[in-house]
Amino acid sequence: MFAVINKIQPLRPITSFVEMFCADGVFRIGTTDGSSKLVATLLDTDDMDNIVLDREQLLKILKLTNKEDIKLIRKDKYVALKGCGNYKLPIQCDETGTQVQLNLRMPVMENGIHCEIEPLHEVFSRNSICLYDGDDYDFFKQYYCENGKVFTTDVAKACTTKAILPQQLLPAKLMKQLSFLDKPIVFSKTEQGARVDSDIFQMYFMYDDPLEYPVDMIRPFMNTDWAEFSFTLEKSELVNALKRISIFTKPWQKGKVILTFTENSVTLLGENQDVNETIDVKLKGNPCRMVTSAEEMLTVLRKVNNEFVIHGSQKCIGFEDNLSLYVLSLIDEEE
């Protein structure tokens, strides 16, 4: 039980409580943060009314109990726990003396999508670097799923990753909430929320209506016409060149990198223009000159595979491997 309660910690509940409840001969334990619920099914047992206990107190006593089996007995105002000794865990009540209820019952859903958890972790990890973390644009703090792709943007950069999920908006905290899962999941949805089932764990969370997402605003990032150029490159070459050039960036500078693409090479020029590096490439398209953020470029390069394609257009530069496309906005060279 300790391992299960410890695993549900990423949900960060609005209270310090966990709730135990039994129905149809199955014992479950879970918690909620108001918009999400996470429940674990533990064992078969007799039915028992819902009881809410202090999570930290329960975790500490279970951690210090060296017996494999413990016994929980429901009393009027407390739960008797028999392990190394006998303990009384108070059942949580509000100011009126009424016992607290967390309402962890899960809605029944149908037509779920089966997902392997490791590829899903990879999708969320790749897209997470493009999640918006400012005070405005709450929609951009979520994962937007459409037509087999997951999209995120923080305005300066955007990421589109292949993933078979229904059209929906997934909250950013979902990746952290699912981080402890290592088994395949079933993803189901309704108009107001979604449910994830994996071995003993069930999670339900509310999300916003995907139809209200300002997709027209970000559609150009999702369907960019790479009219200027493209070429394939080994990641380590570009990463090491960027790192060496960044050494000479002054603290007050913006960390821009100037990229000059010719038929046979790409030249990287530092912001103070007294350091440069040239990498041999075979360019498909028109020679051109672009300016973008070296820091943002390095952030993206840490996520792409070793071999990837660089694309260019008049407004942005793209980095694409077999799973994701990252798009960086360009900077005015005179700024």
Protein backbone atom coordinates (compact mmCIF):
# COMPACT_ATOMS: atom_id res chain seq x y z
CA MET A 1 0.00 0.00 0.00
CA PHE A 2 2.88 2.40 0.78
CA ALA A 3 4.20 2.11 -2.79
CA VAL A 4 0.77 2.88 -4.22
CA ILE A 5 0.13 5.93 -2.02
CA ASN A 6 3.63 7.19 -2.76
CA LYS A 7 2.98 6.87 -6.51
CA ILE A 8 -0.17 8.99 -6.43
CA GLN A 9 1.81 11.93 -4.99
CA PRO A 10 2.39 13.59 -8.43
CA LEU A 11 -1.30 14.56 -8.49
CA ARG A 12 -0.55 17.16 -5.78
CA PRO A 13 -4.01 17.11 -4.17
CA ILE A 14 -5.65 20.30 -2.91
CA THR A 15 -5.83 18.66 0.50
CA SER A 16 -3.41 16.35 2.29
CA PHE A 17 -6.01 13.57 2.22
CA VAL A 18 -6.36 10.19 0.59
CA GLU A 19 -9.68 8.39 0.41
CA MET A 20 -10.29 4.66 0.83
CA PHE A 21 -13.47 3.07 -0.39
CA CYS A 22 -14.76 -0.40 -1.10
CA ALA A 23 -17.49 -1.48 -3.50
CA ASP A 24 -18.37 -4.76 -5.20
CA GLY A 25 -15.72 -6.49 -3.11
CA VAL A 26 -12.83 -4.29 -4.36
CA PHE A 27 -10.71 -2.00 -2.16
CA ARG A 28 -9.55 1.26 -3.73
CA ILE A 29 -7.51 4.24 -2.58
CA GLY A 30 -7.12 7.61 -4.31
CA THR A 31 -6.88 11.39 -4.20
CA THR A 32 -7.97 14.48 -6.18
CA ASP A 33 -6.72 17.99 -6.95
CA GLY A 34 -10.17 19.29 -7.86
CA SER A 35 -9.98 18.82 -11.63
CA SER A 36 -8.30 15.41 -11.64
CA LYS A 37 -8.81 12.13 -9.82
CA LEU A 38 -6.35 9.26 -9.39
CA VAL A 39 -7.44 5.93 -7.93
CA ALA A 40 -5.64 2.61 -7.38
CA THR A 41 -7.39 -0.76 -7.06
CA LEU A 42 -5.59 -2.83 -4.44
CA LEU A 43 -7.36 -5.99 -3.37
CA ASP A 44 -10.61 -7.86 -2.94
CA THR A 45 -12.37 -7.22 0.36
CA ASP A 46 -15.75 -6.73 1.99
CA ASP A 47 -17.66 -3.56 1.15
CA MET A 48 -16.89 -0.54 3.35
CA ASP A 49 -18.14 3.05 3.35
CA ASN A 50 -15.78 5.75 2.10
CA ILE A 51 -13.22 6.96 4.65
CA VAL A 52 -10.81 9.88 4.27
CA LEU A 53 -7.45 9.80 6.10
CA ASP A 54 -4.47 12.12 6.37
CA ARG A 55 -2.10 11.03 3.59
CA GLU A 56 1.19 12.04 5.24
CA GLN A 57 0.30 10.31 8.49
CA LEU A 58 -0.69 7.16 6.65
CA LEU A 59 2.48 7.22 4.52
CA LYS A 60 4.76 7.58 7.54
CA ILE A 61 3.20 4.73 9.51
CA LEU A 62 3.25 2.42 6.46
CA LYS A 63 6.89 3.30 5.71
CA LEU A 64 7.93 2.38 9.25
CA THR A 65 5.88 -0.83 9.34
CA ASN A 66 8.06 -3.81 8.45
CA LYS A 67 5.23 -6.32 8.25
CA GLU A 68 4.06 -7.27 4.76
CA ASP A 69 0.42 -7.56 5.81
CA ILE A 70 -1.54 -4.98 7.75
CA LYS A 71 -5.16 -4.93 8.86
CA LEU A 72 -7.53 -1.96 8.58
CA ILE A 73 -10.71 -1.94 10.66
CA ARG A 74 -13.35 0.76 10.18
CA LYS A 75 -14.59 2.30 13.42
CA ASP A 76 -16.97 5.19 14.09
CA LYS A 77 -14.44 8.04 14.14
CA TYR A 78 -11.19 6.35 13.25
CA VAL A 79 -9.59 3.47 11.36
CA ALA A 80 -7.75 0.90 13.41
CA LEU A 81 -4.49 -0.09 11.72
CA LYS A 82 -2.80 -3.26 12.96
CA GLY A 83 0.79 -3.69 11.79
CA CYS A 84 3.81 -3.65 14.09
CA GLY A 85 1.45 -2.25 16.70
CA ASN A 86 -2.10 -0.94 17.00
CA TYR A 87 -2.83 2.57 15.72
CA LYS A 88 -5.89 4.78 15.46
CA LEU A 89 -5.99 6.92 12.31
CA PRO A 90 -8.61 9.69 12.64
CA ILE A 91 -11.27 9.82 9.92
CA GLN A 92 -11.18 13.37 8.52
CA CYS A 93 -14.19 15.64 9.19
CA ASP A 94 -15.05 19.23 8.31
CA GLU A 95 -15.80 22.01 10.79
CA THR A 96 -19.37 20.75 11.29
CA GLY A 97 -18.17 17.28 12.21
CA THR A 98 -19.34 15.77 8.91
CA GLN A 99 -16.97 13.24 7.44
CA VAL A 100 -15.05 14.53 4.38
CA GLN A 101 -15.80 12.88 1.02
CA LEU A 102 -13.48 13.27 -1.99
CA ASN A 103 -15.94 11.86 -4.56
CA LEU A 104 -13.50 9.60 -6.36
CA ARG A 105 -16.05 7.49 -8.21
CA MET A 106 -14.96 7.12 -11.82
CA PRO A 107 -17.36 7.67 -14.74
CA VAL A 108 -17.84 4.69 -17.04
CA MET A 109 -16.48 5.35 -20.55
CA GLU A 110 -16.42 3.45 -23.81
CA ASN A 111 -14.46 3.36 -27.08
CA GLY A 112 -11.04 3.75 -25.47
CA ILE A 113 -7.77 3.97 -27.40
CA HIS A 114 -5.01 1.56 -26.34
CA CYS A 115 -1.62 3.29 -25.95
CA GLU A 116 1.84 2.03 -25.07
CA ILE A 117 3.04 4.25 -22.25
CA GLU A 118 6.70 4.68 -23.32
CA PRO A 119 5.90 6.29 -26.71
CA LEU A 120 3.36 8.51 -24.96
CA HIS A 121 6.00 9.64 -22.44
CA GLU A 122 8.27 10.44 -25.39
CA VAL A 123 5.57 12.55 -27.05
CA PHE A 124 4.89 14.59 -23.91
CA SER A 125 8.60 14.98 -23.21
CA ARG A 126 9.29 16.30 -26.71
CA ASN A 127 6.35 18.73 -26.66
CA SER A 128 6.91 19.93 -23.10
CA ILE A 129 9.78 22.24 -24.11
CA CYS A 130 7.29 24.26 -26.17
CA LEU A 131 4.65 24.68 -23.46
CA TYR A 132 3.86 28.32 -22.64
CA ASP A 133 4.66 29.27 -19.04
CA GLY A 134 3.67 32.96 -18.98
CA ASP A 135 0.73 34.68 -17.26
CA ASP A 136 -1.53 34.90 -20.33
CA TYR A 137 -2.62 32.51 -23.10
CA ASP A 138 -3.84 29.70 -20.84
CA PHE A 139 -4.74 27.63 -23.92
CA PHE A 140 -1.04 27.41 -24.84
CA LYS A 141 -0.30 25.74 -21.50
CA GLN A 142 -1.97 22.59 -22.83
CA TYR A 143 -1.30 19.85 -25.37
CA TYR A 144 -3.56 20.19 -28.42
CA CYS A 145 -4.32 16.86 -30.14
CA GLU A 146 -5.65 16.73 -33.70
CA ASN A 147 -5.41 14.33 -36.65
CA GLY A 148 -2.81 12.03 -35.12
CA LYS A 149 -0.56 14.85 -33.89
CA VAL A 150 0.11 16.62 -30.59
CA PHE A 151 0.89 20.35 -30.76
CA THR A 152 2.36 22.83 -28.24
CA THR A 153 3.70 26.37 -28.59
CA ASP A 154 5.23 29.03 -26.33
CA VAL A 155 5.03 31.68 -29.10
CA ALA A 156 8.82 31.67 -29.74
CA LYS A 157 8.83 28.03 -30.83
CA ALA A 158 6.38 25.22 -31.57
CA CYS A 159 6.39 21.43 -31.67
CA THR A 160 4.23 18.95 -33.57
CA THR A 161 4.68 15.25 -32.68
CA LYS A 162 2.97 12.18 -34.13
CA ALA A 163 0.61 10.45 -31.67
CA ILE A 164 -2.67 8.57 -32.03
CA LEU A 165 -4.96 10.37 -29.58
CA PRO A 166 -8.53 11.71 -29.94
CA GLN A 167 -8.99 15.42 -30.64
CA GLN A 168 -8.76 17.10 -27.24
CA LEU A 169 -6.84 19.48 -25.00
CA LEU A 170 -4.66 17.76 -22.42
CA PRO A 171 -3.51 19.75 -19.36
CA ALA A 172 0.25 20.21 -19.02
CA LYS A 173 0.28 18.52 -15.61
CA LEU A 174 -0.93 15.30 -17.25
CA MET A 175 2.58 14.29 -18.29
CA LYS A 176 3.74 14.51 -14.67
CA GLN A 177 0.66 12.67 -13.43
CA LEU A 178 1.32 9.79 -15.82
CA SER A 179 5.07 9.78 -15.23
CA PHE A 180 4.95 6.86 -12.79
CA LEU A 181 3.03 4.53 -15.10
CA ASP A 182 4.99 1.82 -16.90
CA LYS A 183 2.15 -0.31 -18.30
CA PRO A 184 0.00 0.17 -21.43
CA ILE A 185 -3.02 2.42 -20.90
CA VAL A 186 -6.54 2.75 -22.28
CA PHE A 187 -7.46 6.37 -23.08
CA SER A 188 -11.21 7.16 -23.06
CA LYS A 189 -12.97 10.51 -23.37
CA THR A 190 -16.27 12.36 -22.98
CA GLU A 191 -17.21 15.94 -23.79
CA GLN A 192 -16.02 17.14 -20.37
CA GLY A 193 -13.17 14.83 -19.46
CA ALA A 194 -11.00 11.80 -20.10
CA ARG A 195 -10.16 8.62 -18.25
CA VAL A 196 -6.87 6.71 -18.26
CA ASP A 197 -6.75 3.08 -17.10
CA SER A 198 -3.49 1.20 -16.47
CA ASP A 199 -3.20 -2.07 -14.51
CA ILE A 200 -4.30 -1.06 -10.97
CA PHE A 201 -4.50 2.70 -11.61
CA GLN A 202 -7.42 4.75 -12.97
CA MET A 203 -7.24 8.50 -13.60
CA TYR A 204 -10.00 10.90 -14.59
CA PHE A 205 -9.40 14.56 -15.47
CA MET A 206 -11.39 17.49 -16.79
CA TYR A 207 -10.23 19.44 -19.84
CA ASP A 208 -11.27 22.43 -21.92
CA ASP A 209 -13.24 22.18 -25.15
CA PRO A 210 -10.71 21.64 -27.99
CA LEU A 211 -13.04 23.47 -30.37
CA GLU A 212 -12.28 26.69 -28.45
CA TYR A 213 -8.53 26.35 -28.99
CA PRO A 214 -7.25 29.18 -31.27
CA VAL A 215 -6.02 26.69 -33.84
CA ASP A 216 -6.25 29.21 -36.71
CA MET A 217 -3.65 31.32 -34.92
CA ILE A 218 -1.11 28.50 -34.83
CA ARG A 219 -2.06 26.64 -38.00
CA PRO A 220 0.85 28.23 -39.94
CA PHE A 221 3.29 26.55 -37.52
CA MET A 222 1.60 23.18 -38.04
CA ASN A 223 1.48 23.35 -41.86
CA THR A 224 4.56 25.36 -42.83
CA ASP A 225 5.49 25.57 -46.50
CA TRP A 226 9.25 25.07 -46.58
CA ALA A 227 9.81 26.95 -49.82
CA GLU A 228 13.37 28.17 -49.16
CA PHE A 229 15.59 25.15 -48.45
CA SER A 230 16.16 21.87 -46.61
CA PHE A 231 19.12 19.60 -45.81
CA THR A 232 20.06 16.67 -43.56
CA LEU A 233 22.62 17.11 -40.79
CA GLU A 234 24.29 15.16 -37.96
CA LYS A 235 23.13 16.65 -34.64
CA SER A 236 26.48 16.64 -32.81
CA GLU A 237 28.10 18.86 -35.44
CA LEU A 238 25.55 21.63 -35.03
CA VAL A 239 25.25 21.33 -31.25
CA ASN A 240 29.00 21.57 -30.67
CA ALA A 241 29.33 24.50 -33.06
CA LEU A 242 26.52 26.38 -31.28
CA LYS A 243 28.06 25.72 -27.87
CA ARG A 244 31.45 26.99 -28.95
CA ILE A 245 29.98 30.17 -30.44
CA SER A 246 27.83 30.78 -27.34
CA ILE A 247 30.96 30.97 -25.19
CA PHE A 248 31.67 34.39 -26.70
CA THR A 249 28.17 35.82 -26.14
CA LYS A 250 28.27 38.82 -23.80
CA PRO A 251 25.88 38.85 -20.79
CA TRP A 252 23.92 41.82 -22.18
CA GLN A 253 23.47 40.30 -25.63
CA LYS A 254 20.37 38.35 -26.70
CA GLY A 255 22.27 35.24 -27.78
CA LYS A 256 21.39 35.44 -31.45
CA VAL A 257 23.04 33.20 -34.03
CA ILE A 258 23.27 34.21 -37.68
CA LEU A 259 22.97 31.29 -40.11
CA THR A 260 24.16 31.68 -43.70
CA PHE A 261 23.12 28.82 -45.98
CA THR A 262 24.93 28.27 -49.28
CA GLU A 263 24.87 25.41 -51.76
CA ASN A 264 27.62 23.44 -49.97
CA SER A 265 27.73 24.78 -46.40
CA VAL A 266 26.06 26.51 -43.47
CA THR A 267 28.04 29.18 -41.59
CA LEU A 268 27.19 30.05 -37.98
CA LEU A 269 28.11 33.58 -36.93
CA GLY A 270 28.03 34.75 -33.30
CA GLU A 271 26.11 37.84 -32.24
CA ASN A 272 29.27 39.92 -31.85
CA GLN A 273 30.33 38.58 -35.29
CA ASP A 274 33.96 37.88 -34.29
CA VAL A 275 33.49 34.07 -34.14
CA ASN A 276 32.12 31.77 -36.81
CA GLU A 277 32.01 28.10 -37.78
CA THR A 278 31.25 26.42 -41.10
CA ILE A 279 29.66 22.99 -41.58
CA ASP A 280 29.57 21.20 -44.93
CA VAL A 281 26.05 20.35 -46.15
CA LYS A 282 24.23 19.57 -49.40
CA LEU A 283 21.55 22.21 -49.65
CA LYS A 284 18.26 21.61 -51.47
CA GLY A 285 16.81 25.01 -52.31
CA ASN A 286 17.88 28.63 -52.31
CA PRO A 287 20.85 30.09 -50.40
CA CYS A 288 19.73 32.48 -47.66
CA ARG A 289 20.59 34.14 -44.33
CA MET A 290 18.59 33.70 -41.10
CA VAL A 291 18.80 34.88 -37.50
CA THR A 292 17.34 33.01 -34.53
CA SER A 293 17.99 32.37 -30.83
CA ALA A 294 21.01 30.13 -30.13
CA GLU A 295 19.54 29.11 -26.75
CA GLU A 296 16.16 28.11 -28.22
CA MET A 297 17.96 26.27 -31.00
CA LEU A 298 20.02 24.25 -28.48
CA THR A 299 16.86 23.44 -26.49
CA VAL A 300 15.27 21.95 -29.60
CA LEU A 301 18.41 20.08 -30.67
CA ARG A 302 18.54 18.26 -27.32
CA LYS A 303 15.21 16.60 -28.22
CA VAL A 304 15.61 15.66 -31.90
CA ASN A 305 17.24 12.42 -33.04
CA ASN A 306 20.89 12.31 -34.12
CA GLU A 307 19.98 12.63 -37.79
CA PHE A 308 17.40 15.24 -38.74
CA VAL A 309 16.40 17.64 -41.50
CA ILE A 310 16.60 21.44 -41.28
CA HIS A 311 13.97 23.38 -43.24
CA GLY A 312 13.73 27.09 -43.95
CA SER A 313 11.03 29.58 -44.93
CA GLN A 314 10.73 33.36 -44.88
CA LYS A 315 9.33 33.42 -41.32
CA CYS A 316 10.80 30.44 -39.50
CA ILE A 317 13.31 27.60 -39.39
CA GLY A 318 12.32 23.98 -38.75
CA PHE A 319 14.06 20.92 -37.30
CA GLU A 320 12.42 17.60 -38.20
CA ASP A 321 13.16 13.96 -37.36
CA ASN A 322 11.01 10.85 -37.80
CA LEU A 323 8.70 11.79 -34.89
CA SER A 324 8.58 15.56 -34.39
CA LEU A 325 8.82 18.89 -36.17
CA TYR A 326 10.13 21.86 -34.19
CA VAL A 327 9.65 25.36 -35.57
CA LEU A 328 11.61 28.41 -34.38
CA SER A 329 10.60 31.97 -35.23
CA LEU A 330 13.23 34.19 -36.81
CA ILE A 331 14.69 37.35 -35.27
CA ASP A 332 15.28 40.66 -37.00
CA GLU A 333 19.05 40.93 -37.48
CA GLU A 334 18.94 44.66 -36.64
CA GLU A 335 17.20 44.24 -33.25
